[in-house]
Amino acid sequence: MLKIKNGDEVVVTTGRDKGKRGKVSKLLGRRVVVSGVNIVKRHQKPVPQKGIQGGVVEKESPIDISNVAIWNSATGRPDKVGIITQADGSKVRIFKSTKAVIA
């Protein structure tokens, strides 16, 4: 079970975007794409068949999953994630500081 999933609000803990918050939009193995974070400029060649214009394009680049922490809105701070097994055998993610289940 992964500790960070699509749609989770995370905060960047290291790097040039340290302190920025955003939602996880894509998981790529051990890397995540966070909306509004790690914006890079890429030169795009025009592809008329697909309707793509050329030029310099800004896009979100993936960052390592170890450089983000899940945001706990109850405490207003980043938090660690734990996994516990419930009585019925299902696993759920919890915030380590408050032991609250992550929705």
PDB file of N, CA and C in Angstrom:
ATOM      1  N   MET A   1       0.846  -1.182   0.000  1.00  0.00           N
ATOM      2  CA  MET A   1       0.000   0.000   0.000  1.00  0.00           C
ATOM      3  C   MET A   1       0.885   1.237   0.000  1.00  0.00           C
ATOM      4  N   LEU A   2       0.599   2.155  -0.919  1.00  0.00           N
ATOM      5  CA  LEU A   2       1.390   3.374  -1.012  1.00  0.00           C
ATOM      6  C   LEU A   2       0.973   4.362   0.070  1.00  0.00           C
ATOM      7  N   LYS A   3       1.936   5.131   0.539  1.00  0.00           N
ATOM      8  CA  LYS A   3       1.637   6.108   1.581  1.00  0.00           C
ATOM      9  C   LYS A   3       1.127   7.424   1.014  1.00  0.00           C
ATOM     10  N   ILE A   4       1.451   7.711  -0.247  1.00  0.00           N
ATOM     11  CA  ILE A   4       0.939   8.918  -0.912  1.00  0.00           C
ATOM     12  C   ILE A   4       0.188   8.485  -2.162  1.00  0.00           C
ATOM     13  N   LYS A   5      -0.997   9.059  -2.355  1.00  0.00           N
ATOM     14  CA  LYS A   5      -1.852   8.671  -3.477  1.00  0.00           C
ATOM     15  C   LYS A   5      -2.264   9.891  -4.282  1.00  0.00           C
ATOM     16  N   ASN A   6      -2.878   9.644  -5.443  1.00  0.00           N
ATOM     17  CA  ASN A   6      -3.411  10.725  -6.270  1.00  0.00           C
ATOM     18  C   ASN A   6      -4.443  11.518  -5.480  1.00  0.00           C
ATOM     19  N   GLY A   7      -4.388  12.835  -5.597  1.00  0.00           N
ATOM     20  CA  GLY A   7      -5.357  13.689  -4.924  1.00  0.00           C
ATOM     21  C   GLY A   7      -4.948  14.115  -3.527  1.00  0.00           C
ATOM     22  N   ASP A   8      -3.897  13.544  -2.963  1.00  0.00           N
ATOM     23  CA  ASP A   8      -3.426  13.951  -1.642  1.00  0.00           C
ATOM     24  C   ASP A   8      -2.802  15.342  -1.727  1.00  0.00           C
ATOM     25  N   GLU A   9      -3.026  16.156  -0.700  1.00  0.00           N
ATOM     26  CA  GLU A   9      -2.353  17.448  -0.625  1.00  0.00           C
ATOM     27  C   GLU A   9      -1.020  17.235   0.074  1.00  0.00           C
ATOM     28  N   VAL A  10       0.059  17.658  -0.598  1.00  0.00           N
ATOM     29  CA  VAL A  10       1.400  17.446  -0.061  1.00  0.00           C
ATOM     30  C   VAL A  10       2.142  18.766  -0.021  1.00  0.00           C
ATOM     31  N   VAL A  11       3.224  18.793   0.748  1.00  0.00           N
ATOM     32  CA  VAL A  11       4.108  19.953   0.835  1.00  0.00           C
ATOM     33  C   VAL A  11       5.518  19.474   0.499  1.00  0.00           C
ATOM     34  N   VAL A  12       6.255  20.276  -0.269  1.00  0.00           N
ATOM     35  CA  VAL A  12       7.614  19.929  -0.671  1.00  0.00           C
ATOM     36  C   VAL A  12       8.548  20.226   0.498  1.00  0.00           C
ATOM     37  N   THR A  13       9.400  19.262   0.854  1.00  0.00           N
ATOM     38  CA  THR A  13      10.261  19.402   2.024  1.00  0.00           C
ATOM     39  C   THR A  13      11.688  19.832   1.675  1.00  0.00           C
ATOM     40  N   THR A  14      12.135  19.594   0.443  1.00  0.00           N
ATOM     41  CA  THR A  14      13.493  19.965   0.052  1.00  0.00           C
ATOM     42  C   THR A  14      13.501  20.496  -1.366  1.00  0.00           C
ATOM     43  N   GLY A  15      14.567  21.197  -1.716  1.00  0.00           N
ATOM     44  CA  GLY A  15      14.734  21.683  -3.077  1.00  0.00           C
ATOM     45  C   GLY A  15      14.330  23.135  -3.230  1.00  0.00           C
ATOM     46  N   ARG A  16      14.328  23.595  -4.476  1.00  0.00           N
ATOM     47  CA  ARG A  16      14.049  25.011  -4.727  1.00  0.00           C
ATOM     48  C   ARG A  16      12.593  25.372  -4.474  1.00  0.00           C
ATOM     49  N   ASP A  17      11.693  24.401  -4.474  1.00  0.00           N
ATOM     50  CA  ASP A  17      10.273  24.642  -4.220  1.00  0.00           C
ATOM     51  C   ASP A  17       9.873  24.291  -2.786  1.00  0.00           C
ATOM     52  N   LYS A  18      10.838  24.286  -1.867  1.00  0.00           N
ATOM     53  CA  LYS A  18      10.580  23.925  -0.478  1.00  0.00           C
ATOM     54  C   LYS A  18       9.484  24.807   0.115  1.00  0.00           C
ATOM     55  N   GLY A  19       8.507  24.169   0.765  1.00  0.00           N
ATOM     56  CA  GLY A  19       7.423  24.892   1.407  1.00  0.00           C
ATOM     57  C   GLY A  19       6.179  25.036   0.553  1.00  0.00           C
ATOM     58  N   LYS A  20       6.269  24.781  -0.753  1.00  0.00           N
ATOM     59  CA  LYS A  20       5.097  24.895  -1.622  1.00  0.00           C
ATOM     60  C   LYS A  20       4.177  23.699  -1.425  1.00  0.00           C
ATOM     61  N   ARG A  21       2.860  23.992  -1.508  1.00  0.00           N
ATOM     62  CA  ARG A  21       1.853  22.939  -1.353  1.00  0.00           C
ATOM     63  C   ARG A  21       1.105  22.754  -2.663  1.00  0.00           C
ATOM     64  N   GLY A  22       0.631  21.541  -2.877  1.00  0.00           N
ATOM     65  CA  GLY A  22      -0.165  21.244  -4.056  1.00  0.00           C
ATOM     66  C   GLY A  22      -0.728  19.836  -3.966  1.00  0.00           C
ATOM     67  N   LYS A  23      -1.594  19.511  -4.911  1.00  0.00           N
ATOM     68  CA  LYS A  23      -2.196  18.175  -4.942  1.00  0.00           C
ATOM     69  C   LYS A  23      -1.409  17.283  -5.888  1.00  0.00           C
ATOM     70  N   VAL A  24      -1.308  16.009  -5.520  1.00  0.00           N
ATOM     71  CA  VAL A  24      -0.635  15.028  -6.359  1.00  0.00           C
ATOM     72  C   VAL A  24      -1.538  14.738  -7.552  1.00  0.00           C
ATOM     73  N   SER A  25      -1.011  14.968  -8.763  1.00  0.00           N
ATOM     74  CA  SER A  25      -1.819  14.732  -9.954  1.00  0.00           C
ATOM     75  C   SER A  25      -1.451  13.427 -10.652  1.00  0.00           C
ATOM     76  N   LYS A  26      -0.235  12.909 -10.406  1.00  0.00           N
ATOM     77  CA  LYS A  26       0.172  11.678 -11.068  1.00  0.00           C
ATOM     78  C   LYS A  26       1.258  10.985 -10.255  1.00  0.00           C
ATOM     79  N   LEU A  27       1.203   9.664 -10.198  1.00  0.00           N
ATOM     80  CA  LEU A  27       2.237   8.858  -9.564  1.00  0.00           C
ATOM     81  C   LEU A  27       3.025   8.142 -10.654  1.00  0.00           C
ATOM     82  N   LEU A  28       4.336   8.221 -10.568  1.00  0.00           N
ATOM     83  CA  LEU A  28       5.211   7.573 -11.540  1.00  0.00           C
ATOM     84  C   LEU A  28       6.247   6.733 -10.789  1.00  0.00           C
ATOM     85  N   GLY A  29       5.824   5.640 -10.219  1.00  0.00           N
ATOM     86  CA  GLY A  29       6.733   4.806  -9.433  1.00  0.00           C
ATOM     87  C   GLY A  29       7.102   5.510  -8.139  1.00  0.00           C
ATOM     88  N   ARG A  30       8.396   5.829  -7.974  1.00  0.00           N
ATOM     89  CA  ARG A  30       8.867   6.528  -6.772  1.00  0.00           C
ATOM     90  C   ARG A  30       8.859   8.040  -6.954  1.00  0.00           C
ATOM     91  N   ARG A  31       8.265   8.523  -8.044  1.00  0.00           N
ATOM     92  CA  ARG A  31       8.207   9.958  -8.304  1.00  0.00           C
ATOM     93  C   ARG A  31       6.748  10.392  -8.399  1.00  0.00           C
ATOM     94  N   VAL A  32       6.498  11.661  -8.058  1.00  0.00           N
ATOM     95  CA  VAL A  32       5.145  12.202  -8.110  1.00  0.00           C
ATOM     96  C   VAL A  32       5.154  13.534  -8.857  1.00  0.00           C
ATOM     97  N   VAL A  33       4.039  13.826  -9.521  1.00  0.00           N
ATOM     98  CA  VAL A  33       3.843  15.118 -10.160  1.00  0.00           C
ATOM     99  C   VAL A  33       2.862  15.881  -9.289  1.00  0.00           C
ATOM    100  N   VAL A  34       3.295  17.034  -8.780  1.00  0.00           N
ATOM    101  CA  VAL A  34       2.474  17.860  -7.895  1.00  0.00           C
ATOM    102  C   VAL A  34       2.062  19.098  -8.672  1.00  0.00           C
ATOM    103  N   SER A  35       0.764  19.425  -8.653  1.00  0.00           N
ATOM    104  CA  SER A  35       0.272  20.568  -9.417  1.00  0.00           C
ATOM    105  C   SER A  35       0.832  21.875  -8.861  1.00  0.00           C
ATOM    106  N   GLY A  36       1.389  22.699  -9.752  1.00  0.00           N
ATOM    107  CA  GLY A  36       1.929  23.998  -9.384  1.00  0.00           C
ATOM    108  C   GLY A  36       3.320  23.970  -8.787  1.00  0.00           C
ATOM    109  N   VAL A  37       3.967  22.812  -8.763  1.00  0.00           N
ATOM    110  CA  VAL A  37       5.283  22.676  -8.146  1.00  0.00           C
ATOM    111  C   VAL A  37       6.258  22.112  -9.171  1.00  0.00           C
ATOM    112  N   ASN A  38       7.519  22.541  -9.101  1.00  0.00           N
ATOM    113  CA  ASN A  38       8.597  22.071  -9.973  1.00  0.00           C
ATOM    114  C   ASN A  38       8.270  22.343 -11.441  1.00  0.00           C
ATOM    115  N   ILE A  39       7.946  23.600 -11.742  1.00  0.00           N
ATOM    116  CA  ILE A  39       7.642  24.017 -13.105  1.00  0.00           C
ATOM    117  C   ILE A  39       8.951  24.195 -13.873  1.00  0.00           C
ATOM    118  N   VAL A  40       9.047  23.552 -15.047  1.00  0.00           N
ATOM    119  CA  VAL A  40      10.233  23.656 -15.893  1.00  0.00           C
ATOM    120  C   VAL A  40       9.812  24.135 -17.274  1.00  0.00           C
ATOM    121  N   LYS A  41      10.763  24.705 -18.007  1.00  0.00           N
ATOM    122  CA  LYS A  41      10.497  25.160 -19.374  1.00  0.00           C
ATOM    123  C   LYS A  41      11.125  24.167 -20.349  1.00  0.00           C
ATOM    124  N   ARG A  42      10.342  23.762 -21.337  1.00  0.00           N
ATOM    125  CA  ARG A  42      10.803  22.827 -22.356  1.00  0.00           C
ATOM    126  C   ARG A  42      10.528  23.421 -23.731  1.00  0.00           C
ATOM    127  N   HIS A  43      11.432  23.177 -24.661  1.00  0.00           N
ATOM    128  CA  HIS A  43      11.245  23.632 -26.029  1.00  0.00           C
ATOM    129  C   HIS A  43      10.434  22.579 -26.775  1.00  0.00           C
ATOM    130  N   GLN A  44       9.288  22.985 -27.317  1.00  0.00           N
ATOM    131  CA  GLN A  44       8.357  22.079 -27.975  1.00  0.00           C
ATOM    132  C   GLN A  44       8.400  22.302 -29.479  1.00  0.00           C
ATOM    133  N   LYS A  45       8.591  21.235 -30.229  1.00  0.00           N
ATOM    134  CA  LYS A  45       8.555  21.313 -31.682  1.00  0.00           C
ATOM    135  C   LYS A  45       7.102  21.304 -32.133  1.00  0.00           C
ATOM    136  N   PRO A  46       6.746  22.071 -33.150  1.00  0.00           N
ATOM    137  CA  PRO A  46       5.362  22.044 -33.614  1.00  0.00           C
ATOM    138  C   PRO A  46       5.023  20.722 -34.307  1.00  0.00           C
ATOM    139  N   VAL A  47       3.826  20.209 -34.038  1.00  0.00           N
ATOM    140  CA  VAL A  47       3.329  18.993 -34.674  1.00  0.00           C
ATOM    141  C   VAL A  47       1.951  19.326 -35.236  1.00  0.00           C
ATOM    142  N   PRO A  48       1.879  19.731 -36.504  1.00  0.00           N
ATOM    143  CA  PRO A  48       0.600  20.165 -37.064  1.00  0.00           C
ATOM    144  C   PRO A  48      -0.471  19.076 -37.089  1.00  0.00           C
ATOM    145  N   GLN A  49      -0.079  17.810 -37.263  1.00  0.00           N
ATOM    146  CA  GLN A  49      -1.060  16.715 -37.306  1.00  0.00           C
ATOM    147  C   GLN A  49      -1.819  16.581 -35.988  1.00  0.00           C
ATOM    148  N   LYS A  50      -1.164  16.854 -34.878  1.00  0.00           N
ATOM    149  CA  LYS A  50      -1.791  16.745 -33.559  1.00  0.00           C
ATOM    150  C   LYS A  50      -2.264  18.087 -33.031  1.00  0.00           C
ATOM    151  N   GLY A  51      -2.029  19.152 -33.775  1.00  0.00           N
ATOM    152  CA  GLY A  51      -2.470  20.470 -33.357  1.00  0.00           C
ATOM    153  C   GLY A  51      -1.620  21.093 -32.265  1.00  0.00           C
ATOM    154  N   ILE A  52      -0.364  20.665 -32.158  1.00  0.00           N
ATOM    155  CA  ILE A  52       0.533  21.188 -31.121  1.00  0.00           C
ATOM    156  C   ILE A  52       1.360  22.319 -31.701  1.00  0.00           C
ATOM    157  N   GLN A  53       1.307  23.480 -31.047  1.00  0.00           N
ATOM    158  CA  GLN A  53       2.114  24.611 -31.472  1.00  0.00           C
ATOM    159  C   GLN A  53       3.511  24.491 -30.886  1.00  0.00           C
ATOM    160  N   GLY A  54       4.457  25.083 -31.573  1.00  0.00           N
ATOM    161  CA  GLY A  54       5.833  25.058 -31.098  1.00  0.00           C
ATOM    162  C   GLY A  54       6.121  26.224 -30.177  1.00  0.00           C
ATOM    163  N   GLY A  55       7.287  26.193 -29.550  1.00  0.00           N
ATOM    164  CA  GLY A  55       7.705  27.277 -28.674  1.00  0.00           C
ATOM    165  C   GLY A  55       8.161  26.750 -27.329  1.00  0.00           C
ATOM    166  N   VAL A  56       8.355  27.662 -26.402  1.00  0.00           N
ATOM    167  CA  VAL A  56       8.777  27.303 -25.053  1.00  0.00           C
ATOM    168  C   VAL A  56       7.527  27.031 -24.216  1.00  0.00           C
ATOM    169  N   VAL A  57       7.445  25.837 -23.637  1.00  0.00           N
ATOM    170  CA  VAL A  57       6.271  25.401 -22.894  1.00  0.00           C
ATOM    171  C   VAL A  57       6.659  25.186 -21.433  1.00  0.00           C
ATOM    172  N   GLU A  58       5.842  25.683 -20.522  1.00  0.00           N
ATOM    173  CA  GLU A  58       6.063  25.405 -19.098  1.00  0.00           C
ATOM    174  C   GLU A  58       5.227  24.206 -18.700  1.00  0.00           C
ATOM    175  N   LYS A  59       5.861  23.256 -18.012  1.00  0.00           N
ATOM    176  CA  LYS A  59       5.127  22.082 -17.567  1.00  0.00           C
ATOM    177  C   LYS A  59       5.649  21.623 -16.206  1.00  0.00           C
ATOM    178  N   GLU A  60       4.849  20.791 -15.549  1.00  0.00           N
ATOM    179  CA  GLU A  60       5.226  20.275 -14.238  1.00  0.00           C
ATOM    180  C   GLU A  60       6.089  19.044 -14.415  1.00  0.00           C
ATOM    181  N   SER A  61       7.182  19.014 -13.681  1.00  0.00           N
ATOM    182  CA  SER A  61       8.118  17.910 -13.745  1.00  0.00           C
ATOM    183  C   SER A  61       7.982  17.067 -12.478  1.00  0.00           C
ATOM    184  N   PRO A  62       8.188  15.751 -12.567  1.00  0.00           N
ATOM    185  CA  PRO A  62       8.066  14.917 -11.371  1.00  0.00           C
ATOM    186  C   PRO A  62       9.198  15.158 -10.376  1.00  0.00           C
ATOM    187  N   ILE A  63       8.887  14.961  -9.093  1.00  0.00           N
ATOM    188  CA  ILE A  63       9.896  15.032  -8.039  1.00  0.00           C
ATOM    189  C   ILE A  63       9.837  13.735  -7.241  1.00  0.00           C
ATOM    190  N   ASP A  64      10.911  13.429  -6.559  1.00  0.00           N
ATOM    191  CA  ASP A  64      10.980  12.177  -5.814  1.00  0.00           C
ATOM    192  C   ASP A  64       9.982  12.179  -4.662  1.00  0.00           C
ATOM    193  N   ILE A  65       9.407  11.017  -4.398  1.00  0.00           N
ATOM    194  CA  ILE A  65       8.380  10.894  -3.365  1.00  0.00           C
ATOM    195  C   ILE A  65       8.946  11.163  -1.971  1.00  0.00           C
ATOM    196  N   SER A  66      10.271  10.996  -1.810  1.00  0.00           N
ATOM    197  CA  SER A  66      10.885  11.251  -0.504  1.00  0.00           C
ATOM    198  C   SER A  66      11.005  12.738  -0.209  1.00  0.00           C
ATOM    199  N   ASN A  67      10.810  13.589  -1.215  1.00  0.00           N
ATOM    200  CA  ASN A  67      10.935  15.034  -1.030  1.00  0.00           C
ATOM    201  C   ASN A  67       9.604  15.720  -0.773  1.00  0.00           C
ATOM    202  N   VAL A  68       8.552  14.951  -0.562  1.00  0.00           N
ATOM    203  CA  VAL A  68       7.250  15.516  -0.232  1.00  0.00           C
ATOM    204  C   VAL A  68       6.716  14.846   1.029  1.00  0.00           C
ATOM    205  N   ALA A  69       5.897  15.588   1.761  1.00  0.00           N
ATOM    206  CA  ALA A  69       5.231  15.051   2.950  1.00  0.00           C
ATOM    207  C   ALA A  69       3.758  15.412   2.856  1.00  0.00           C
ATOM    208  N   ILE A  70       2.908  14.531   3.336  1.00  0.00           N
ATOM    209  CA  ILE A  70       1.474  14.775   3.271  1.00  0.00           C
ATOM    210  C   ILE A  70       1.109  15.914   4.220  1.00  0.00           C
ATOM    211  N   TRP A  71       0.140  16.735   3.819  1.00  0.00           N
ATOM    212  CA  TRP A  71      -0.281  17.901   4.596  1.00  0.00           C
ATOM    213  C   TRP A  71      -1.434  17.509   5.504  1.00  0.00           C
ATOM    214  N   ASN A  72      -1.269  17.748   6.800  1.00  0.00           N
ATOM    215  CA  ASN A  72      -2.319  17.473   7.783  1.00  0.00           C
ATOM    216  C   ASN A  72      -3.061  18.782   8.028  1.00  0.00           C
ATOM    217  N   SER A  73      -4.278  18.896   7.501  1.00  0.00           N
ATOM    218  CA  SER A  73      -5.026  20.149   7.623  1.00  0.00           C
ATOM    219  C   SER A  73      -5.504  20.395   9.055  1.00  0.00           C
ATOM    220  N   ALA A  74      -5.625  19.340   9.860  1.00  0.00           N
ATOM    221  CA  ALA A  74      -6.064  19.511  11.243  1.00  0.00           C
ATOM    222  C   ALA A  74      -5.006  20.227  12.080  1.00  0.00           C
ATOM    223  N   THR A  75      -3.733  19.890  11.852  1.00  0.00           N
ATOM    224  CA  THR A  75      -2.660  20.514  12.620  1.00  0.00           C
ATOM    225  C   THR A  75      -2.028  21.684  11.877  1.00  0.00           C
ATOM    226  N   GLY A  76      -2.239  21.751  10.554  1.00  0.00           N
ATOM    227  CA  GLY A  76      -1.640  22.813   9.754  1.00  0.00           C
ATOM    228  C   GLY A  76      -0.160  22.617   9.524  1.00  0.00           C
ATOM    229  N   ARG A  77       0.295  21.369   9.528  1.00  0.00           N
ATOM    230  CA  ARG A  77       1.707  21.053   9.352  1.00  0.00           C
ATOM    231  C   ARG A  77       1.848  19.795   8.493  1.00  0.00           C
ATOM    232  N   PRO A  78       3.022  19.599   7.900  1.00  0.00           N
ATOM    233  CA  PRO A  78       3.260  18.325   7.218  1.00  0.00           C
ATOM    234  C   PRO A  78       3.339  17.193   8.237  1.00  0.00           C
ATOM    235  N   ASP A  79       3.029  15.992   7.804  1.00  0.00           N
ATOM    236  CA  ASP A  79       2.968  14.873   8.731  1.00  0.00           C
ATOM    237  C   ASP A  79       3.475  13.602   8.054  1.00  0.00           C
ATOM    238  N   LYS A  80       3.826  12.612   8.863  1.00  0.00           N
ATOM    239  CA  LYS A  80       4.198  11.298   8.364  1.00  0.00           C
ATOM    240  C   LYS A  80       2.946  10.443   8.255  1.00  0.00           C
ATOM    241  N   VAL A  81       3.021   9.418   7.409  1.00  0.00           N
ATOM    242  CA  VAL A  81       1.880   8.536   7.168  1.00  0.00           C
ATOM    243  C   VAL A  81       2.210   7.161   7.705  1.00  0.00           C
ATOM    244  N   GLY A  82       1.257   6.570   8.419  1.00  0.00           N
ATOM    245  CA  GLY A  82       1.379   5.206   8.885  1.00  0.00           C
ATOM    246  C   GLY A  82       0.257   4.364   8.307  1.00  0.00           C
ATOM    247  N   ILE A  83       0.440   3.058   8.321  1.00  0.00           N
ATOM    248  CA  ILE A  83      -0.577   2.145   7.811  1.00  0.00           C
ATOM    249  C   ILE A  83      -0.933   1.181   8.929  1.00  0.00           C
ATOM    250  N   ILE A  84      -2.234   1.069   9.230  1.00  0.00           N
ATOM    251  CA  ILE A  84      -2.682   0.135  10.250  1.00  0.00           C
ATOM    252  C   ILE A  84      -3.708  -0.818   9.644  1.00  0.00           C
ATOM    253  N   THR A  85      -3.833  -1.981  10.238  1.00  0.00           N
ATOM    254  CA  THR A  85      -4.823  -2.957   9.820  1.00  0.00           C
ATOM    255  C   THR A  85      -6.003  -2.883  10.770  1.00  0.00           C
ATOM    256  N   GLN A  86      -7.200  -2.718  10.202  1.00  0.00           N
ATOM    257  CA  GLN A  86      -8.398  -2.623  11.027  1.00  0.00           C
ATOM    258  C   GLN A  86      -8.881  -4.026  11.405  1.00  0.00           C
ATOM    259  N   ALA A  87      -9.911  -4.076  12.257  1.00  0.00           N
ATOM    260  CA  ALA A  87     -10.426  -5.347  12.748  1.00  0.00           C
ATOM    261  C   ALA A  87     -10.950  -6.235  11.620  1.00  0.00           C
ATOM    262  N   ASP A  88     -11.500  -5.630  10.568  1.00  0.00           N
ATOM    263  CA  ASP A  88     -12.041  -6.423   9.462  1.00  0.00           C
ATOM    264  C   ASP A  88     -10.970  -6.862   8.462  1.00  0.00           C
ATOM    265  N   GLY A  89      -9.710  -6.508   8.702  1.00  0.00           N
ATOM    266  CA  GLY A  89      -8.614  -6.939   7.855  1.00  0.00           C
ATOM    267  C   GLY A  89      -8.204  -5.932   6.800  1.00  0.00           C
ATOM    268  N   SER A  90      -8.933  -4.835   6.663  1.00  0.00           N
ATOM    269  CA  SER A  90      -8.575  -3.821   5.668  1.00  0.00           C
ATOM    270  C   SER A  90      -7.489  -2.910   6.233  1.00  0.00           C
ATOM    271  N   LYS A  91      -6.680  -2.384   5.322  1.00  0.00           N
ATOM    272  CA  LYS A  91      -5.603  -1.479   5.724  1.00  0.00           C
ATOM    273  C   LYS A  91      -6.028  -0.051   5.439  1.00  0.00           C
ATOM    274  N   VAL A  92      -5.697   0.871   6.351  1.00  0.00           N
ATOM    275  CA  VAL A  92      -6.004   2.287   6.165  1.00  0.00           C
ATOM    276  C   VAL A  92      -4.761   3.112   6.494  1.00  0.00           C
ATOM    277  N   ARG A  93      -4.681   4.288   5.877  1.00  0.00           N
ATOM    278  CA  ARG A  93      -3.583   5.209   6.141  1.00  0.00           C
ATOM    279  C   ARG A  93      -3.991   6.141   7.274  1.00  0.00           C
ATOM    280  N   ILE A  94      -3.035   6.458   8.153  1.00  0.00           N
ATOM    281  CA  ILE A  94      -3.302   7.372   9.266  1.00  0.00           C
ATOM    282  C   ILE A  94      -2.183   8.407   9.348  1.00  0.00           C
ATOM    283  N   PHE A  95      -2.508   9.568   9.953  1.00  0.00           N
ATOM    284  CA  PHE A  95      -1.482  10.545  10.284  1.00  0.00           C
ATOM    285  C   PHE A  95      -0.785  10.041  11.544  1.00  0.00           C
ATOM    286  N   LYS A  96       0.552  10.058  11.555  1.00  0.00           N
ATOM    287  CA  LYS A  96       1.298   9.549  12.700  1.00  0.00           C
ATOM    288  C   LYS A  96       1.106  10.418  13.940  1.00  0.00           C
ATOM    289  N   SER A  97       0.973  11.734  13.779  1.00  0.00           N
ATOM    290  CA  SER A  97       0.901  12.631  14.948  1.00  0.00           C
ATOM    291  C   SER A  97      -0.454  12.555  15.659  1.00  0.00           C
ATOM    292  N   THR A  98      -1.544  12.476  14.884  1.00  0.00           N
ATOM    293  CA  THR A  98      -2.882  12.512  15.492  1.00  0.00           C
ATOM    294  C   THR A  98      -3.590  11.180  15.464  1.00  0.00           C
ATOM    295  N   LYS A  99      -3.047  10.192  14.755  1.00  0.00           N
ATOM    296  CA  LYS A  99      -3.663   8.863  14.597  1.00  0.00           C
ATOM    297  C   LYS A  99      -5.022   8.930  13.898  1.00  0.00           C
ATOM    298  N   ALA A 100      -5.303  10.020  13.189  1.00  0.00           N
ATOM    299  CA  ALA A 100      -6.562  10.168  12.467  1.00  0.00           C
ATOM    300  C   ALA A 100      -6.436   9.486  11.090  1.00  0.00           C
ATOM    301  N   VAL A 101      -7.523   8.899  10.634  1.00  0.00           N
ATOM    302  CA  VAL A 101      -7.538   8.217   9.350  1.00  0.00           C
ATOM    303  C   VAL A 101      -7.525   9.258   8.230  1.00  0.00           C
ATOM    304  N   ILE A 102      -6.712   9.007   7.220  1.00  0.00           N
ATOM    305  CA  ILE A 102      -6.636   9.903   6.065  1.00  0.00           C
ATOM    306  C   ILE A 102      -7.780   9.562   5.126  1.00  0.00           C
ATOM    307  N   ALA A 103      -8.589  10.574   4.808  1.00  0.00           N
ATOM    308  CA  ALA A 103      -9.765  10.335   3.949  1.00  0.00           C
ATOM    309  C   ALA A 103      -9.378  10.151   2.514  1.00  0.00           C
TER     310      ALA A 103
END
